[in-house]
Amino acid sequence: MAPAGAPSLALLLLEAQRAVLEGMSLGPAQPFLRRAPRGDGQPVLLLPGFTAGDGSTTALRRYLKRQGFSPHPWLLGLNFGPQGGVRERLALRVEALTQRYGRKLSIVGWSLGGIYAREIAKRRPDQVRQVVTLGSPFADVGRASNVSRVFDVFARRSAAPSRSSLADRISQPPDVPSTAIFSKTDGVVHWQSCLEPETDHTENIEVRGSHCGLGVNPLVLYAIADRLSQPEGVWRPFDYRGWRRTLYR
């Protein structure tokens, strides 16, 4: 049985088919994607979701590179949860990139990768420019999901009393600008668990699509480029005026 609050089984079963269709839409969407704001060479670190690796962020990294950013994979293999020193190694990866470029970097995290991104930003706001999460259930860690039991096995989590306090800490936003991109038709995690609280430096952008297709969804790619293109220290919420109102919510 799916956990309480998890998406419907029907949405989960259709995840693969919908993700394929989203990937196939990248070609026809190129004129639209080229209209997105461009970067100035700023570094961006891409973190994959649970059980995924750098291959899952290939399309997104290629797009960001064409748009003038300097995207980088996480280089830590498959994401099997916070074990094996992943958090420490990821912190070293962030530090190495900031030293290489001599400037802060932005982090884009998909699903579980987004939870990592927010936690790194909380610990090292001096190294992180902004965070963008894609279907990351930080507001209800591990419970509003159709894959909670699988995550429990790999991450070896316990039902200790401290789990509640840990969830409360993870749900708090970092001090750097943070954008949560989510879909109400996400078949893996419940969309309400992916929402940032409303502050002067956080926002939520709704797109139409699947969870597994977030990294190849043209609407997601455009929104990421738009958010990352903002000058450091000058952050504004996503602009929904004009044609954007028909595509985003």
Protein backbone atom coordinates (compact mmCIF):
# COMPACT_ATOMS: atom_id res chain seq x y z
CA MET A 1 0.00 0.00 0.00
CA ALA A 2 1.25 3.48 -0.81
CA PRO A 3 2.14 5.74 2.11
CA ALA A 4 -0.50 8.17 3.35
CA GLY A 5 -0.57 11.25 1.20
CA ALA A 6 1.33 9.62 -1.65
CA PRO A 7 0.28 10.22 -5.28
CA SER A 8 -2.15 7.79 -6.87
CA LEU A 9 -0.89 4.47 -8.18
CA ALA A 10 -2.17 5.41 -11.65
CA LEU A 11 0.16 8.40 -11.80
CA LEU A 12 3.06 6.23 -10.68
CA LEU A 13 2.39 3.56 -13.32
CA LEU A 14 2.34 6.20 -16.06
CA GLU A 15 5.58 7.90 -14.97
CA ALA A 16 7.83 6.21 -17.55
CA GLN A 17 5.53 6.86 -20.50
CA ARG A 18 5.02 10.49 -19.58
CA ALA A 19 8.76 11.05 -19.05
CA VAL A 20 9.49 9.64 -22.51
CA LEU A 21 6.97 12.01 -24.09
CA GLU A 22 8.49 14.95 -22.24
CA GLY A 23 11.94 13.98 -23.49
CA MET A 24 10.63 13.71 -27.05
CA SER A 25 9.27 17.26 -26.79
CA LEU A 26 12.75 18.74 -26.32
CA GLY A 27 13.43 18.85 -30.06
CA PRO A 28 10.30 20.77 -31.09
CA ALA A 29 10.74 23.03 -28.04
CA GLN A 30 14.18 24.33 -29.05
CA PRO A 31 12.95 27.72 -30.38
CA PHE A 32 11.14 28.24 -27.09
CA LEU A 33 14.12 27.15 -25.00
CA ARG A 34 16.52 29.45 -26.83
CA ARG A 35 14.40 32.41 -25.73
CA ALA A 36 15.33 31.84 -22.08
CA PRO A 37 17.67 34.35 -20.41
CA ARG A 38 21.36 33.51 -20.71
CA GLY A 39 24.00 33.03 -18.06
CA ASP A 40 27.35 34.74 -17.68
CA GLY A 41 29.42 31.60 -17.23
CA GLN A 42 28.45 31.10 -13.61
CA PRO A 43 28.97 27.56 -12.25
CA VAL A 44 25.96 25.31 -11.63
CA LEU A 45 26.10 21.95 -9.86
CA LEU A 46 23.46 19.35 -10.86
CA LEU A 47 22.43 16.73 -8.28
CA PRO A 48 20.50 13.61 -9.40
CA GLY A 49 17.52 12.03 -7.70
CA PHE A 50 17.30 8.83 -5.69
CA THR A 51 18.93 5.79 -7.44
CA ALA A 52 19.92 8.04 -10.39
CA GLY A 53 23.34 9.26 -11.48
CA ASP A 54 24.86 11.95 -13.65
CA GLY A 55 23.35 10.44 -16.80
CA SER A 56 19.93 11.65 -15.67
CA THR A 57 21.07 15.29 -15.73
CA THR A 58 22.82 15.13 -19.12
CA ALA A 59 20.10 16.89 -21.12
CA LEU A 60 19.79 19.63 -18.52
CA ARG A 61 23.54 20.18 -18.38
CA ARG A 62 23.78 20.38 -22.17
CA TYR A 63 21.01 22.93 -22.29
CA LEU A 64 22.50 25.10 -19.56
CA LYS A 65 25.87 25.05 -21.29
CA ARG A 66 24.26 26.27 -24.54
CA GLN A 67 22.61 29.05 -22.56
CA GLY A 68 25.90 30.38 -21.24
CA PHE A 69 26.20 28.63 -17.88
CA SER A 70 28.98 26.33 -16.65
CA PRO A 71 27.13 23.19 -15.49
CA HIS A 72 28.83 20.35 -13.62
CA PRO A 73 27.78 16.80 -12.64
CA TRP A 74 28.05 15.70 -9.04
CA LEU A 75 30.54 12.84 -9.83
CA LEU A 76 29.44 10.70 -6.88
CA GLY A 77 27.90 7.75 -8.72
CA LEU A 78 24.32 6.66 -8.13
CA ASN A 79 22.36 8.48 -5.45
CA PHE A 80 21.44 5.85 -2.85
CA GLY A 81 20.75 8.27 -0.03
CA PRO A 82 22.83 9.92 2.71
CA GLN A 83 25.34 7.16 3.32
CA GLY A 84 28.96 6.38 2.52
CA GLY A 85 30.11 9.91 3.23
CA VAL A 86 28.00 11.41 0.44
CA ARG A 87 27.30 14.64 2.29
CA GLU A 88 30.95 15.20 3.14
CA ARG A 89 32.09 14.41 -0.40
CA LEU A 90 29.44 16.67 -1.84
CA ALA A 91 30.56 19.52 0.41
CA LEU A 92 34.10 19.05 -0.91
CA ARG A 93 32.76 19.12 -4.49
CA VAL A 94 31.04 22.44 -3.82
CA GLU A 95 34.15 23.90 -2.23
CA ALA A 96 36.34 22.77 -5.15
CA LEU A 97 34.05 24.41 -7.72
CA THR A 98 33.80 27.68 -5.83
CA GLN A 99 37.59 27.83 -5.58
CA ARG A 100 37.96 26.98 -9.26
CA TYR A 101 35.63 29.78 -10.39
CA GLY A 102 36.33 32.24 -7.61
CA ARG A 103 32.62 32.84 -7.13
CA LYS A 104 29.52 31.28 -5.61
CA LEU A 105 27.73 28.49 -7.47
CA SER A 106 24.08 27.62 -7.90
CA ILE A 107 22.78 24.13 -7.17
CA VAL A 108 19.97 22.38 -9.02
CA GLY A 109 18.75 19.25 -7.25
CA TRP A 110 16.27 16.72 -8.59
CA SER A 111 14.09 14.97 -5.98
CA LEU A 112 16.44 13.73 -3.21
CA GLY A 113 19.18 15.79 -4.85
CA GLY A 114 17.17 18.90 -4.05
CA ILE A 115 17.15 18.03 -0.36
CA TYR A 116 20.95 17.77 -0.49
CA ALA A 117 21.11 21.13 -2.28
CA ARG A 118 19.08 22.92 0.38
CA GLU A 119 21.09 21.40 3.22
CA ILE A 120 24.41 22.41 1.65
CA ALA A 121 23.09 25.93 1.15
CA LYS A 122 22.14 26.11 4.84
CA ARG A 123 25.60 25.07 5.94
CA ARG A 124 27.60 27.05 3.38
CA PRO A 125 25.62 30.13 2.27
CA ASP A 126 28.99 31.76 1.54
CA GLN A 127 29.50 29.28 -1.31
CA VAL A 128 25.95 28.92 -2.70
CA ARG A 129 24.35 31.56 -4.91
CA GLN A 130 20.89 30.03 -5.14
CA VAL A 131 19.06 26.70 -5.08
CA VAL A 132 16.51 25.21 -7.49
CA THR A 133 14.73 21.99 -6.54
CA LEU A 134 12.79 19.68 -8.88
CA GLY A 135 10.07 17.64 -7.20
CA SER A 136 11.98 17.49 -3.90
CA PRO A 137 9.83 16.40 -0.91
CA PHE A 138 11.68 18.42 1.73
CA ALA A 139 8.42 19.52 3.38
CA ASP A 140 7.44 15.92 4.23
CA VAL A 141 10.62 13.86 3.94
CA GLY A 142 10.06 10.23 3.02
CA ARG A 143 6.37 10.06 3.88
CA ALA A 144 4.48 11.59 0.95
CA SER A 145 6.12 9.28 -1.53
CA ASN A 146 5.49 6.08 -3.48
CA VAL A 147 9.11 5.00 -2.99
CA SER A 148 9.51 5.55 0.76
CA ARG A 149 10.11 1.89 1.58
CA VAL A 150 12.80 1.56 -1.09
CA PHE A 151 14.52 4.66 0.27
CA ASP A 152 14.37 3.21 3.79
CA VAL A 153 16.23 0.09 2.63
CA PHE A 154 19.05 1.93 0.90
CA ALA A 155 19.41 4.77 3.41
CA ARG A 156 19.00 2.42 6.42
CA ARG A 157 16.85 4.96 8.20
CA SER A 158 15.36 4.22 11.60
CA ALA A 159 12.15 5.27 13.31
CA ALA A 160 14.08 6.99 16.11
CA PRO A 161 12.42 9.88 17.98
CA SER A 162 14.95 12.26 16.39
CA ARG A 163 13.42 11.62 12.96
CA SER A 164 10.66 14.16 13.63
CA SER A 165 13.13 16.88 14.59
CA LEU A 166 15.23 16.03 11.56
CA ALA A 167 12.20 16.44 9.27
CA ASP A 168 11.42 19.79 10.86
CA ARG A 169 14.98 20.97 10.22
CA ILE A 170 15.01 19.81 6.61
CA SER A 171 11.73 21.58 5.87
CA GLN A 172 13.22 24.96 6.80
CA PRO A 173 14.44 26.93 3.76
CA PRO A 174 18.07 28.04 3.38
CA ASP A 175 19.01 31.69 3.65
CA VAL A 176 19.87 31.89 -0.06
CA PRO A 177 17.25 32.39 -2.84
CA SER A 178 15.41 29.11 -3.39
CA THR A 179 13.00 28.04 -6.12
CA ALA A 180 10.90 24.87 -5.88
CA ILE A 181 9.62 23.52 -9.20
CA PHE A 182 6.82 20.97 -8.79
CA SER A 183 4.01 19.21 -10.64
CA LYS A 184 0.57 18.36 -9.32
CA THR A 185 0.68 15.24 -11.52
CA ASP A 186 3.92 13.98 -9.98
CA GLY A 187 3.56 10.21 -9.65
CA VAL A 188 6.38 9.67 -7.15
CA VAL A 189 6.06 12.34 -4.45
CA HIS A 190 3.06 14.38 -3.39
CA TRP A 191 3.31 17.88 -4.82
CA GLN A 192 2.42 19.54 -1.52
CA SER A 193 5.56 18.07 0.04
CA CYS A 194 7.67 19.95 -2.53
CA LEU A 195 6.61 23.51 -1.68
CA GLU A 196 8.83 26.15 -0.14
CA PRO A 197 7.27 28.27 2.62
CA GLU A 198 6.53 31.82 1.51
CA THR A 199 9.38 34.20 2.35
CA ASP A 200 11.08 37.12 0.64
CA HIS A 201 13.64 34.79 -0.99
CA THR A 202 11.65 31.65 -1.81
CA GLU A 203 9.12 30.74 -4.49
CA ASN A 204 7.21 27.82 -6.02
CA ILE A 205 6.70 27.27 -9.75
CA GLU A 206 4.14 24.74 -10.96
CA VAL A 207 4.67 22.91 -14.25
CA ARG A 208 2.69 20.20 -16.00
CA GLY A 209 4.53 16.90 -16.14
CA SER A 210 5.83 13.77 -14.44
CA HIS A 211 8.42 13.32 -11.71
CA CYS A 212 10.81 11.25 -13.81
CA GLY A 213 10.60 13.72 -16.67
CA LEU A 214 11.42 16.87 -14.73
CA GLY A 215 14.97 16.94 -16.06
CA VAL A 216 13.83 16.83 -19.70
CA ASN A 217 10.63 18.86 -19.47
CA PRO A 218 11.00 22.03 -21.62
CA LEU A 219 8.97 24.08 -19.15
CA VAL A 220 11.33 23.06 -16.36
CA LEU A 221 14.47 23.76 -18.39
CA TYR A 222 13.27 27.23 -19.33
CA ALA A 223 12.33 28.07 -15.75
CA ILE A 224 15.71 26.89 -14.45
CA ALA A 225 17.61 29.04 -16.95
CA ASP A 226 15.40 32.01 -16.10
CA ARG A 227 16.05 31.66 -12.36
CA LEU A 228 19.80 31.03 -12.67
CA SER A 229 20.35 33.98 -15.01
CA GLN A 230 19.64 36.55 -12.32
CA PRO A 231 22.65 38.60 -11.19
CA GLU A 232 24.14 37.54 -7.89
CA GLY A 233 22.56 39.48 -5.07
CA VAL A 234 19.65 40.68 -7.22
CA TRP A 235 16.93 38.04 -6.93
CA ARG A 236 13.30 38.53 -7.94
CA PRO A 237 10.40 36.06 -8.08
CA PHE A 238 9.45 34.43 -11.37
CA ASP A 239 7.57 36.80 -13.69
CA TYR A 240 4.20 35.30 -14.68
CA ARG A 241 3.08 38.16 -16.89
CA GLY A 242 2.21 37.78 -20.58
CA TRP A 243 2.60 34.41 -22.30
CA ARG A 244 4.14 32.81 -19.22
CA ARG A 245 0.77 32.89 -17.49
CA THR A 246 -0.53 30.29 -19.97
CA LEU A 247 2.33 27.85 -19.28
CA TYR A 248 3.18 28.34 -15.62
CA ARG A 249 1.19 28.71 -12.42
